[in-house]
Amino acid sequence: MNRRLDTSPSARKWHRWKIVGSIIAILLLAGAIWLIVSKSGEVAHAWAALTHPNPWWLLLLFTGVLVSVPVSAVSQVLMLARTSGVRVRIGEMSTLVVFSTLLNMLPLWPGALGRIGYHRVVHGIPPMRAGIAIVSVRLLGLSAGVVLLALAWMLGGGGTALIIAAWLSVLVGFLLLSLPTAARLPALAAASCWVDIGVSAIRYVAAFHLLGATLDGGMAAAISGTASIASSVPFVGGAPGLREWSVGWMNAQLQFIPDALVIGVLADLLVRAATFIVMLPLVLITGRGLGRRLRAAAAVMAVKDRSPSPQP
């Protein structure tokens, strides 16, 4: 089988952009860590709160990370079915989401690229179609972030109940859009992304409370929307560093206190740490089964490659 690398000028230019984005992401993450270390005295109260965490907020944070796995898997399954016609099981996609979430903490989107390769080998899905599905879900996440940020700006002063009501109204709208058959898969995928960004807001509420800070509904919506937008920047895959600074900046706009930037950055690092703590054991638990499936599919593909083509 002839597998050629894309060496076109546009591909080389995009590769250079990814390398530049990766360097920027690493510098931003290093800067975020430096900020926390250098300003540790100013946020001593946050560190003190974190050394004696409220178990309920801690449970909510870890639960939010865990719930995000099947929710994200649903949107991926739906968009992949839309672009390729192949329906992957939710459990299998959830395992892939676990792996890709952990790997995408690194620059260059290694998790997304690995998932594209997996679908090609195991399900025979062309890389372009699998890639379109992944990008489509990311664009839905970006759109959800923009909408949630707009809702927070317009309704944030009305209290948490109003934000929740607005969030539910948008969700119902997506479900109504899914009633026509032609729009069912993308509308349900959008609804899944909308649920995911709502779960993200809950994670941030828990993280801020663990640091001795508070977020009302409008603030949580604004920060979750900002984090989703930052995570969608294409050339810094996974947004390491960029998301921390974005959340810190938004928190500084919402809470006019001297340590707002540092608390925001620290809260996002806490969410990232919680994600790592949850995902790592899940990878260890599910990795063997996924590896067996991948090796079996690769062996079948190799046999087909060695088989002589039928003569006309």
C-alpha atoms as a PDB file:
ATOM      1  CA  MET A   1       0.000   0.000   0.000  1.00  0.00           C
ATOM      2  CA  ASN A   2       1.372   3.394  -0.968  1.00  0.00           C
ATOM      3  CA  ARG A   3       1.294   5.819   1.946  1.00  0.00           C
ATOM      4  CA  ARG A   4       2.839   9.136   1.043  1.00  0.00           C
ATOM      5  CA  LEU A   5       3.259  12.019   3.376  1.00  0.00           C
ATOM      6  CA  ASP A   6       1.619  15.259   2.331  1.00  0.00           C
ATOM      7  CA  THR A   7       4.541  17.497   1.405  1.00  0.00           C
ATOM      8  CA  SER A   8       2.544  20.220  -0.324  1.00  0.00           C
ATOM      9  CA  PRO A   9       3.401  23.853   0.498  1.00  0.00           C
ATOM     10  CA  SER A  10       0.158  24.263   2.464  1.00  0.00           C
ATOM     11  CA  ALA A  11       0.897  21.143   4.532  1.00  0.00           C
ATOM     12  CA  ARG A  12       4.429  22.321   5.280  1.00  0.00           C
ATOM     13  CA  LYS A  13       3.129  25.771   6.235  1.00  0.00           C
ATOM     14  CA  TRP A  14       0.530  24.250   8.577  1.00  0.00           C
ATOM     15  CA  HIS A  15       3.202  22.031  10.138  1.00  0.00           C
ATOM     16  CA  ARG A  16       5.340  25.095  10.832  1.00  0.00           C
ATOM     17  CA  TRP A  17       2.362  26.828  12.406  1.00  0.00           C
ATOM     18  CA  LYS A  18       1.818  23.831  14.684  1.00  0.00           C
ATOM     19  CA  ILE A  19       5.449  23.876  15.784  1.00  0.00           C
ATOM     20  CA  VAL A  20       5.268  27.611  16.509  1.00  0.00           C
ATOM     21  CA  GLY A  21       1.996  27.084  18.383  1.00  0.00           C
ATOM     22  CA  SER A  22       3.534  24.294  20.418  1.00  0.00           C
ATOM     23  CA  ILE A  23       6.440  26.495  21.452  1.00  0.00           C
ATOM     24  CA  ILE A  24       4.025  29.277  22.404  1.00  0.00           C
ATOM     25  CA  ALA A  25       1.887  26.831  24.404  1.00  0.00           C
ATOM     26  CA  ILE A  26       4.887  25.500  26.325  1.00  0.00           C
ATOM     27  CA  LEU A  27       6.052  29.035  27.112  1.00  0.00           C
ATOM     28  CA  LEU A  28       2.565  30.033  28.248  1.00  0.00           C
ATOM     29  CA  LEU A  29       2.291  26.981  30.505  1.00  0.00           C
ATOM     30  CA  ALA A  30       5.734  27.655  31.964  1.00  0.00           C
ATOM     31  CA  GLY A  31       4.702  31.262  32.514  1.00  0.00           C
ATOM     32  CA  ALA A  32       1.516  30.181  34.278  1.00  0.00           C
ATOM     33  CA  ILE A  33       3.475  27.926  36.620  1.00  0.00           C
ATOM     34  CA  TRP A  34       6.012  30.715  37.241  1.00  0.00           C
ATOM     35  CA  LEU A  35       3.146  33.089  38.083  1.00  0.00           C
ATOM     36  CA  ILE A  36       1.743  30.678  40.665  1.00  0.00           C
ATOM     37  CA  VAL A  37       5.144  30.107  42.251  1.00  0.00           C
ATOM     38  CA  SER A  38       6.164  33.771  42.298  1.00  0.00           C
ATOM     39  CA  LYS A  39       2.805  34.942  43.678  1.00  0.00           C
ATOM     40  CA  SER A  40       2.346  32.095  46.144  1.00  0.00           C
ATOM     41  CA  GLY A  41       2.514  34.483  49.090  1.00  0.00           C
ATOM     42  CA  GLU A  42      -0.323  36.600  47.710  1.00  0.00           C
ATOM     43  CA  VAL A  43      -2.610  33.568  47.386  1.00  0.00           C
ATOM     44  CA  ALA A  44      -1.609  31.859  50.619  1.00  0.00           C
ATOM     45  CA  HIS A  45      -5.280  31.637  51.549  1.00  0.00           C
ATOM     46  CA  ALA A  46      -5.941  29.578  48.392  1.00  0.00           C
ATOM     47  CA  TRP A  47      -3.121  27.166  49.187  1.00  0.00           C
ATOM     48  CA  ALA A  48      -4.402  26.903  52.755  1.00  0.00           C
ATOM     49  CA  ALA A  49      -7.880  26.050  51.511  1.00  0.00           C
ATOM     50  CA  LEU A  50      -6.445  23.479  49.115  1.00  0.00           C
ATOM     51  CA  THR A  51      -4.552  21.718  51.897  1.00  0.00           C
ATOM     52  CA  HIS A  52      -7.874  21.102  53.670  1.00  0.00           C
ATOM     53  CA  PRO A  53     -10.253  20.532  50.755  1.00  0.00           C
ATOM     54  CA  ASN A  54     -13.981  20.193  51.187  1.00  0.00           C
ATOM     55  CA  PRO A  55     -14.644  16.549  50.182  1.00  0.00           C
ATOM     56  CA  TRP A  56     -17.919  17.431  48.465  1.00  0.00           C
ATOM     57  CA  TRP A  57     -16.342  20.029  46.196  1.00  0.00           C
ATOM     58  CA  LEU A  58     -13.496  17.597  45.506  1.00  0.00           C
ATOM     59  CA  LEU A  59     -16.002  14.882  44.614  1.00  0.00           C
ATOM     60  CA  LEU A  60     -17.885  17.293  42.363  1.00  0.00           C
ATOM     61  CA  LEU A  61     -14.674  18.232  40.539  1.00  0.00           C
ATOM     62  CA  PHE A  62     -13.659  14.617  39.887  1.00  0.00           C
ATOM     63  CA  THR A  63     -17.225  13.631  38.982  1.00  0.00           C
ATOM     64  CA  GLY A  64     -17.394  16.481  36.502  1.00  0.00           C
ATOM     65  CA  VAL A  65     -14.222  15.255  34.820  1.00  0.00           C
ATOM     66  CA  LEU A  66     -15.565  11.691  34.691  1.00  0.00           C
ATOM     67  CA  VAL A  67     -18.976  12.701  33.327  1.00  0.00           C
ATOM     68  CA  SER A  68     -17.337  14.683  30.544  1.00  0.00           C
ATOM     69  CA  VAL A  69     -15.953  11.466  29.018  1.00  0.00           C
ATOM     70  CA  PRO A  70     -19.220   9.833  27.825  1.00  0.00           C
ATOM     71  CA  VAL A  71     -20.731  13.246  27.062  1.00  0.00           C
ATOM     72  CA  SER A  72     -17.822  14.080  24.766  1.00  0.00           C
ATOM     73  CA  ALA A  73     -17.948  10.577  23.311  1.00  0.00           C
ATOM     74  CA  VAL A  74     -21.579  11.071  22.271  1.00  0.00           C
ATOM     75  CA  SER A  75     -20.756  14.142  20.199  1.00  0.00           C
ATOM     76  CA  GLN A  76     -17.804  12.339  18.585  1.00  0.00           C
ATOM     77  CA  VAL A  77     -19.912   9.276  17.746  1.00  0.00           C
ATOM     78  CA  LEU A  78     -22.660  11.393  16.199  1.00  0.00           C
ATOM     79  CA  MET A  79     -20.368  13.519  14.050  1.00  0.00           C
ATOM     80  CA  LEU A  80     -18.340  10.505  12.948  1.00  0.00           C
ATOM     81  CA  ALA A  81     -21.565   8.807  11.874  1.00  0.00           C
ATOM     82  CA  ARG A  82     -22.467  11.991  10.006  1.00  0.00           C
ATOM     83  CA  THR A  83     -19.172  12.254   8.119  1.00  0.00           C
ATOM     84  CA  SER A  84     -18.388   8.570   7.528  1.00  0.00           C
ATOM     85  CA  GLY A  85     -21.593   6.597   8.029  1.00  0.00           C
ATOM     86  CA  VAL A  86     -19.836   4.394  10.603  1.00  0.00           C
ATOM     87  CA  ARG A  87     -21.373   4.100  14.057  1.00  0.00           C
ATOM     88  CA  VAL A  88     -18.776   3.498  16.761  1.00  0.00           C
ATOM     89  CA  ARG A  89     -19.971   2.196  20.109  1.00  0.00           C
ATOM     90  CA  ILE A  90     -20.176   4.720  22.945  1.00  0.00           C
ATOM     91  CA  GLY A  91     -17.959   2.592  25.188  1.00  0.00           C
ATOM     92  CA  GLU A  92     -15.235   2.310  22.562  1.00  0.00           C
ATOM     93  CA  MET A  93     -15.390   6.029  21.791  1.00  0.00           C
ATOM     94  CA  SER A  94     -15.300   6.843  25.510  1.00  0.00           C
ATOM     95  CA  THR A  95     -12.032   4.914  25.770  1.00  0.00           C
ATOM     96  CA  LEU A  96     -10.647   6.867  22.824  1.00  0.00           C
ATOM     97  CA  VAL A  97     -11.751  10.125  24.440  1.00  0.00           C
ATOM     98  CA  VAL A  98      -9.907   9.165  27.632  1.00  0.00           C
ATOM     99  CA  PHE A  99      -6.693   8.520  25.688  1.00  0.00           C
ATOM    100  CA  SER A 100      -7.004  11.626  23.517  1.00  0.00           C
ATOM    101  CA  THR A 101      -7.856  13.864  26.477  1.00  0.00           C
ATOM    102  CA  LEU A 102      -4.706  12.778  28.253  1.00  0.00           C
ATOM    103  CA  LEU A 103      -2.514  13.060  25.145  1.00  0.00           C
ATOM    104  CA  ASN A 104      -4.001  16.393  24.090  1.00  0.00           C
ATOM    105  CA  MET A 105      -2.556  17.962  27.206  1.00  0.00           C
ATOM    106  CA  LEU A 106       0.587  17.971  25.051  1.00  0.00           C
ATOM    107  CA  PRO A 107       1.006  20.293  22.062  1.00  0.00           C
ATOM    108  CA  LEU A 108       0.356  19.261  18.437  1.00  0.00           C
ATOM    109  CA  TRP A 109      -2.916  17.394  19.177  1.00  0.00           C
ATOM    110  CA  PRO A 110      -1.344  13.911  19.524  1.00  0.00           C
ATOM    111  CA  GLY A 111      -4.604  12.520  20.914  1.00  0.00           C
ATOM    112  CA  ALA A 112      -6.671  13.690  17.949  1.00  0.00           C
ATOM    113  CA  LEU A 113      -4.111  12.392  15.467  1.00  0.00           C
ATOM    114  CA  GLY A 114      -4.004   9.043  17.256  1.00  0.00           C
ATOM    115  CA  ARG A 115      -7.783   8.792  17.143  1.00  0.00           C
ATOM    116  CA  ILE A 116      -7.780   9.451  13.397  1.00  0.00           C
ATOM    117  CA  GLY A 117      -5.239   6.664  12.922  1.00  0.00           C
ATOM    118  CA  TYR A 118      -7.245   4.294  15.121  1.00  0.00           C
ATOM    119  CA  HIS A 119     -10.440   4.842  13.116  1.00  0.00           C
ATOM    120  CA  ARG A 120      -8.552   4.212   9.900  1.00  0.00           C
ATOM    121  CA  VAL A 121      -7.078   0.910  11.064  1.00  0.00           C
ATOM    122  CA  VAL A 122      -9.994  -0.463  13.086  1.00  0.00           C
ATOM    123  CA  HIS A 123     -13.040   0.917  11.259  1.00  0.00           C
ATOM    124  CA  GLY A 124     -11.634   1.629   7.812  1.00  0.00           C
ATOM    125  CA  ILE A 125     -12.647   5.275   8.012  1.00  0.00           C
ATOM    126  CA  PRO A 126     -10.604   7.538   5.703  1.00  0.00           C
ATOM    127  CA  PRO A 127      -8.458   9.958   7.735  1.00  0.00           C
ATOM    128  CA  MET A 128     -10.083  12.972   6.078  1.00  0.00           C
ATOM    129  CA  ARG A 129     -13.567  11.939   7.217  1.00  0.00           C
ATOM    130  CA  ALA A 130     -12.414  11.146  10.750  1.00  0.00           C
ATOM    131  CA  GLY A 131     -10.552  14.448  10.852  1.00  0.00           C
ATOM    132  CA  ILE A 132     -13.603  16.368   9.671  1.00  0.00           C
ATOM    133  CA  ALA A 133     -15.641  14.793  12.482  1.00  0.00           C
ATOM    134  CA  ILE A 134     -13.072  15.836  15.104  1.00  0.00           C
ATOM    135  CA  VAL A 135     -12.786  19.369  13.720  1.00  0.00           C
ATOM    136  CA  SER A 136     -16.585  19.649  13.522  1.00  0.00           C
ATOM    137  CA  VAL A 137     -16.944  18.768  17.189  1.00  0.00           C
ATOM    138  CA  ARG A 138     -14.232  21.292  18.050  1.00  0.00           C
ATOM    139  CA  LEU A 139     -16.097  23.964  16.066  1.00  0.00           C
ATOM    140  CA  LEU A 140     -19.287  23.062  17.910  1.00  0.00           C
ATOM    141  CA  GLY A 141     -17.381  23.481  21.180  1.00  0.00           C
ATOM    142  CA  LEU A 142     -16.085  26.859  20.009  1.00  0.00           C
ATOM    143  CA  SER A 143     -19.610  27.954  19.088  1.00  0.00           C
ATOM    144  CA  ALA A 144     -20.923  26.744  22.434  1.00  0.00           C
ATOM    145  CA  GLY A 145     -18.233  28.782  24.182  1.00  0.00           C
ATOM    146  CA  VAL A 146     -19.167  31.930  22.272  1.00  0.00           C
ATOM    147  CA  VAL A 147     -22.883  31.463  22.987  1.00  0.00           C
ATOM    148  CA  LEU A 148     -22.312  30.760  26.684  1.00  0.00           C
ATOM    149  CA  LEU A 149     -20.022  33.778  26.969  1.00  0.00           C
ATOM    150  CA  ALA A 150     -22.692  35.931  25.342  1.00  0.00           C
ATOM    151  CA  LEU A 151     -25.346  34.598  27.731  1.00  0.00           C
ATOM    152  CA  ALA A 152     -23.075  35.354  30.681  1.00  0.00           C
ATOM    153  CA  TRP A 153     -22.543  38.902  29.405  1.00  0.00           C
ATOM    154  CA  MET A 154     -26.248  39.530  28.837  1.00  0.00           C
ATOM    155  CA  LEU A 155     -27.747  37.688  31.809  1.00  0.00           C
ATOM    156  CA  GLY A 156     -24.927  37.371  34.336  1.00  0.00           C
ATOM    157  CA  GLY A 157     -26.364  40.089  36.542  1.00  0.00           C
ATOM    158  CA  GLY A 158     -29.636  38.208  36.817  1.00  0.00           C
ATOM    159  CA  GLY A 159     -28.256  35.484  39.053  1.00  0.00           C
ATOM    160  CA  THR A 160     -27.497  31.794  38.775  1.00  0.00           C
ATOM    161  CA  ALA A 161     -31.120  30.727  38.277  1.00  0.00           C
ATOM    162  CA  LEU A 162     -31.458  32.890  35.168  1.00  0.00           C
ATOM    163  CA  ILE A 163     -28.239  31.519  33.663  1.00  0.00           C
ATOM    164  CA  ILE A 164     -29.377  27.938  34.296  1.00  0.00           C
ATOM    165  CA  ALA A 165     -32.767  28.680  32.722  1.00  0.00           C
ATOM    166  CA  ALA A 166     -31.077  30.182  29.654  1.00  0.00           C
ATOM    167  CA  TRP A 167     -28.730  27.188  29.405  1.00  0.00           C
ATOM    168  CA  LEU A 168     -31.694  24.796  29.550  1.00  0.00           C
ATOM    169  CA  SER A 169     -33.556  26.825  26.923  1.00  0.00           C
ATOM    170  CA  VAL A 170     -30.665  26.505  24.478  1.00  0.00           C
ATOM    171  CA  LEU A 171     -30.471  22.766  25.185  1.00  0.00           C
ATOM    172  CA  VAL A 172     -34.191  22.365  24.463  1.00  0.00           C
ATOM    173  CA  GLY A 173     -33.670  24.343  21.251  1.00  0.00           C
ATOM    174  CA  PHE A 174     -30.993  21.910  20.080  1.00  0.00           C
ATOM    175  CA  LEU A 175     -33.236  18.949  20.903  1.00  0.00           C
ATOM    176  CA  LEU A 176     -36.090  20.491  18.912  1.00  0.00           C
ATOM    177  CA  LEU A 177     -33.738  21.051  15.972  1.00  0.00           C
ATOM    178  CA  SER A 178     -32.907  17.333  16.072  1.00  0.00           C
ATOM    179  CA  LEU A 179     -36.496  16.313  15.316  1.00  0.00           C
ATOM    180  CA  PRO A 180     -36.145  16.573  11.506  1.00  0.00           C
ATOM    181  CA  THR A 181     -34.208  13.552  10.289  1.00  0.00           C
ATOM    182  CA  ALA A 182     -31.800  15.553   8.126  1.00  0.00           C
ATOM    183  CA  ALA A 183     -30.594  17.657  11.068  1.00  0.00           C
ATOM    184  CA  ARG A 184     -30.708  14.969  13.745  1.00  0.00           C
ATOM    185  CA  LEU A 185     -27.039  13.995  14.005  1.00  0.00           C
ATOM    186  CA  PRO A 186     -25.467  17.497  13.981  1.00  0.00           C
ATOM    187  CA  ALA A 187     -28.181  18.906  16.260  1.00  0.00           C
ATOM    188  CA  LEU A 188     -27.717  16.118  18.804  1.00  0.00           C
ATOM    189  CA  ALA A 189     -23.942  16.558  18.578  1.00  0.00           C
ATOM    190  CA  ALA A 190     -24.413  20.271  19.282  1.00  0.00           C
ATOM    191  CA  ALA A 191     -26.652  19.393  22.241  1.00  0.00           C
ATOM    192  CA  SER A 192     -23.949  17.067  23.572  1.00  0.00           C
ATOM    193  CA  CYS A 193     -21.319  19.816  23.269  1.00  0.00           C
ATOM    194  CA  TRP A 194     -23.696  22.180  25.071  1.00  0.00           C
ATOM    195  CA  VAL A 195     -24.081  19.697  27.927  1.00  0.00           C
ATOM    196  CA  ASP A 196     -20.298  19.286  28.006  1.00  0.00           C
ATOM    197  CA  ILE A 197     -19.699  23.007  28.419  1.00  0.00           C
ATOM    198  CA  GLY A 198     -22.293  23.062  31.207  1.00  0.00           C
ATOM    199  CA  VAL A 199     -20.413  20.270  32.977  1.00  0.00           C
ATOM    200  CA  SER A 200     -17.235  22.305  32.464  1.00  0.00           C
ATOM    201  CA  ALA A 201     -18.833  25.247  34.280  1.00  0.00           C
ATOM    202  CA  ILE A 202     -19.599  22.973  37.229  1.00  0.00           C
ATOM    203  CA  ARG A 203     -15.964  21.837  37.320  1.00  0.00           C
ATOM    204  CA  TYR A 204     -14.803  25.440  37.539  1.00  0.00           C
ATOM    205  CA  VAL A 205     -17.259  26.194  40.341  1.00  0.00           C
ATOM    206  CA  ALA A 206     -15.823  23.263  42.278  1.00  0.00           C
ATOM    207  CA  ALA A 207     -12.215  24.276  41.542  1.00  0.00           C
ATOM    208  CA  PHE A 208     -12.745  27.867  42.696  1.00  0.00           C
ATOM    209  CA  HIS A 209     -14.477  26.726  45.882  1.00  0.00           C
ATOM    210  CA  LEU A 210     -11.575  24.381  46.618  1.00  0.00           C
ATOM    211  CA  LEU A 211      -9.334  27.466  46.474  1.00  0.00           C
ATOM    212  CA  GLY A 212     -11.539  29.355  48.909  1.00  0.00           C
ATOM    213  CA  ALA A 213     -13.081  31.509  46.157  1.00  0.00           C
ATOM    214  CA  THR A 214     -16.624  31.568  44.824  1.00  0.00           C
ATOM    215  CA  LEU A 215     -18.300  31.760  41.437  1.00  0.00           C
ATOM    216  CA  ASP A 216     -21.931  32.557  40.738  1.00  0.00           C
ATOM    217  CA  GLY A 217     -23.707  31.213  37.667  1.00  0.00           C
ATOM    218  CA  GLY A 218     -22.779  34.124  35.413  1.00  0.00           C
ATOM    219  CA  MET A 219     -19.104  33.964  36.353  1.00  0.00           C
ATOM    220  CA  ALA A 220     -18.976  30.190  35.893  1.00  0.00           C
ATOM    221  CA  ALA A 221     -20.609  30.523  32.461  1.00  0.00           C
ATOM    222  CA  ALA A 222     -18.157  33.234  31.404  1.00  0.00           C
ATOM    223  CA  ILE A 223     -15.132  31.242  32.539  1.00  0.00           C
ATOM    224  CA  SER A 224     -16.343  27.982  30.997  1.00  0.00           C
ATOM    225  CA  GLY A 225     -17.080  29.742  27.715  1.00  0.00           C
ATOM    226  CA  THR A 226     -13.650  31.375  27.745  1.00  0.00           C
ATOM    227  CA  ALA A 227     -11.951  28.034  28.432  1.00  0.00           C
ATOM    228  CA  SER A 228     -13.815  26.395  25.538  1.00  0.00           C
ATOM    229  CA  ILE A 229     -12.803  29.159  23.150  1.00  0.00           C
ATOM    230  CA  ALA A 230      -9.164  28.966  24.258  1.00  0.00           C
ATOM    231  CA  SER A 231      -9.175  25.185  23.818  1.00  0.00           C
ATOM    232  CA  SER A 232     -10.358  25.629  20.240  1.00  0.00           C
ATOM    233  CA  VAL A 233      -7.335  27.594  19.020  1.00  0.00           C
ATOM    234  CA  PRO A 234      -6.105  25.214  16.310  1.00  0.00           C
ATOM    235  CA  PHE A 235      -2.326  25.580  16.386  1.00  0.00           C
ATOM    236  CA  VAL A 236      -1.809  25.183  20.158  1.00  0.00           C
ATOM    237  CA  GLY A 237      -3.554  21.805  20.364  1.00  0.00           C
ATOM    238  CA  GLY A 238      -5.110  21.170  23.770  1.00  0.00           C
ATOM    239  CA  ALA A 239      -4.375  24.794  24.757  1.00  0.00           C
ATOM    240  CA  PRO A 240      -1.770  24.057  27.458  1.00  0.00           C
ATOM    241  CA  GLY A 241      -0.957  27.422  28.993  1.00  0.00           C
ATOM    242  CA  LEU A 242      -3.327  29.414  26.806  1.00  0.00           C
ATOM    243  CA  ARG A 243      -6.385  28.158  28.655  1.00  0.00           C
ATOM    244  CA  GLU A 244      -4.851  28.923  32.064  1.00  0.00           C
ATOM    245  CA  TRP A 245      -4.066  32.516  31.111  1.00  0.00           C
ATOM    246  CA  SER A 246      -7.475  32.954  29.447  1.00  0.00           C
ATOM    247  CA  VAL A 247      -9.318  31.754  32.538  1.00  0.00           C
ATOM    248  CA  GLY A 248      -7.125  33.940  34.737  1.00  0.00           C
ATOM    249  CA  TRP A 249      -7.742  36.975  32.549  1.00  0.00           C
ATOM    250  CA  MET A 250     -11.512  36.405  32.544  1.00  0.00           C
ATOM    251  CA  ASN A 251     -11.546  35.984  36.314  1.00  0.00           C
ATOM    252  CA  ALA A 252      -9.700  39.310  36.619  1.00  0.00           C
ATOM    253  CA  GLN A 253     -12.456  40.946  34.548  1.00  0.00           C
ATOM    254  CA  LEU A 254     -15.172  39.426  36.707  1.00  0.00           C
ATOM    255  CA  GLN A 255     -13.727  39.846  40.198  1.00  0.00           C
ATOM    256  CA  PHE A 256     -11.977  43.119  40.977  1.00  0.00           C
ATOM    257  CA  ILE A 257      -9.614  41.761  43.581  1.00  0.00           C
ATOM    258  CA  PRO A 258      -5.792  41.929  43.512  1.00  0.00           C
ATOM    259  CA  ASP A 259      -5.223  38.173  43.196  1.00  0.00           C
ATOM    260  CA  ALA A 260      -7.991  37.438  40.667  1.00  0.00           C
ATOM    261  CA  LEU A 261      -5.582  36.633  37.825  1.00  0.00           C
ATOM    262  CA  VAL A 262      -3.513  34.253  39.959  1.00  0.00           C
ATOM    263  CA  ILE A 263      -6.594  32.529  41.388  1.00  0.00           C
ATOM    264  CA  GLY A 264      -8.008  32.031  37.888  1.00  0.00           C
ATOM    265  CA  VAL A 265      -4.775  30.539  36.573  1.00  0.00           C
ATOM    266  CA  LEU A 266      -4.481  28.308  39.635  1.00  0.00           C
ATOM    267  CA  ALA A 267      -8.100  27.161  39.292  1.00  0.00           C
ATOM    268  CA  ASP A 268      -7.541  26.098  35.701  1.00  0.00           C
ATOM    269  CA  LEU A 269      -4.343  24.276  36.640  1.00  0.00           C
ATOM    270  CA  LEU A 270      -6.379  22.506  39.326  1.00  0.00           C
ATOM    271  CA  VAL A 271      -8.951  21.439  36.726  1.00  0.00           C
ATOM    272  CA  ARG A 272      -6.146  20.205  34.472  1.00  0.00           C
ATOM    273  CA  ALA A 273      -4.573  18.296  37.362  1.00  0.00           C
ATOM    274  CA  ALA A 274      -7.916  16.705  38.253  1.00  0.00           C
ATOM    275  CA  THR A 275      -8.360  15.686  34.606  1.00  0.00           C
ATOM    276  CA  PHE A 276      -4.937  14.046  34.614  1.00  0.00           C
ATOM    277  CA  ILE A 277      -5.647  12.227  37.901  1.00  0.00           C
ATOM    278  CA  VAL A 278      -8.914  10.821  36.544  1.00  0.00           C
ATOM    279  CA  MET A 279      -7.727   9.986  33.034  1.00  0.00           C
ATOM    280  CA  LEU A 280      -4.441   8.274  33.879  1.00  0.00           C
ATOM    281  CA  PRO A 281      -5.930   5.270  35.741  1.00  0.00           C
ATOM    282  CA  LEU A 282      -8.671   4.990  33.116  1.00  0.00           C
ATOM    283  CA  VAL A 283      -5.985   4.739  30.437  1.00  0.00           C
ATOM    284  CA  LEU A 284      -4.218   2.018  32.406  1.00  0.00           C
ATOM    285  CA  ILE A 285      -7.477   0.110  32.893  1.00  0.00           C
ATOM    286  CA  THR A 286      -8.776   0.314  29.329  1.00  0.00           C
ATOM    287  CA  GLY A 287      -5.497   0.450  27.410  1.00  0.00           C
ATOM    288  CA  ARG A 288      -4.947  -3.286  27.141  1.00  0.00           C
ATOM    289  CA  GLY A 289      -8.328  -3.970  25.539  1.00  0.00           C
ATOM    290  CA  LEU A 290      -7.972  -1.080  23.126  1.00  0.00           C
ATOM    291  CA  GLY A 291      -4.453  -2.228  22.222  1.00  0.00           C
ATOM    292  CA  ARG A 292      -5.653  -5.762  21.471  1.00  0.00           C
ATOM    293  CA  ARG A 293      -8.371  -4.432  19.196  1.00  0.00           C
ATOM    294  CA  LEU A 294      -5.918  -2.177  17.381  1.00  0.00           C
ATOM    295  CA  ARG A 295      -3.333  -4.963  16.923  1.00  0.00           C
ATOM    296  CA  ALA A 296      -5.960  -7.381  15.609  1.00  0.00           C
ATOM    297  CA  ALA A 297      -7.246  -4.835  13.097  1.00  0.00           C
ATOM    298  CA  ALA A 298      -3.689  -3.952  12.035  1.00  0.00           C
ATOM    299  CA  ALA A 299      -2.926  -7.651  11.464  1.00  0.00           C
ATOM    300  CA  VAL A 300      -6.006  -8.010   9.253  1.00  0.00           C
ATOM    301  CA  MET A 301      -4.987  -4.912   7.308  1.00  0.00           C
ATOM    302  CA  ALA A 302      -1.462  -6.295   6.832  1.00  0.00           C
ATOM    303  CA  VAL A 303      -2.840  -9.585   5.467  1.00  0.00           C
ATOM    304  CA  LYS A 304      -5.023  -7.675   3.013  1.00  0.00           C
ATOM    305  CA  ASP A 305      -2.046  -5.588   1.926  1.00  0.00           C
ATOM    306  CA  ARG A 306      -0.009  -8.731   1.196  1.00  0.00           C
ATOM    307  CA  SER A 307      -2.810 -10.449  -0.669  1.00  0.00           C
ATOM    308  CA  PRO A 308      -2.454 -10.256  -4.468  1.00  0.00           C
ATOM    309  CA  SER A 309      -5.011  -8.103  -6.197  1.00  0.00           C
ATOM    310  CA  PRO A 310      -7.535 -10.104  -8.268  1.00  0.00           C
ATOM    311  CA  GLN A 311      -6.748 -10.089 -11.973  1.00  0.00           C
ATOM    312  CA  PRO A 312      -9.474  -8.718 -14.200  1.00  0.00           C
END
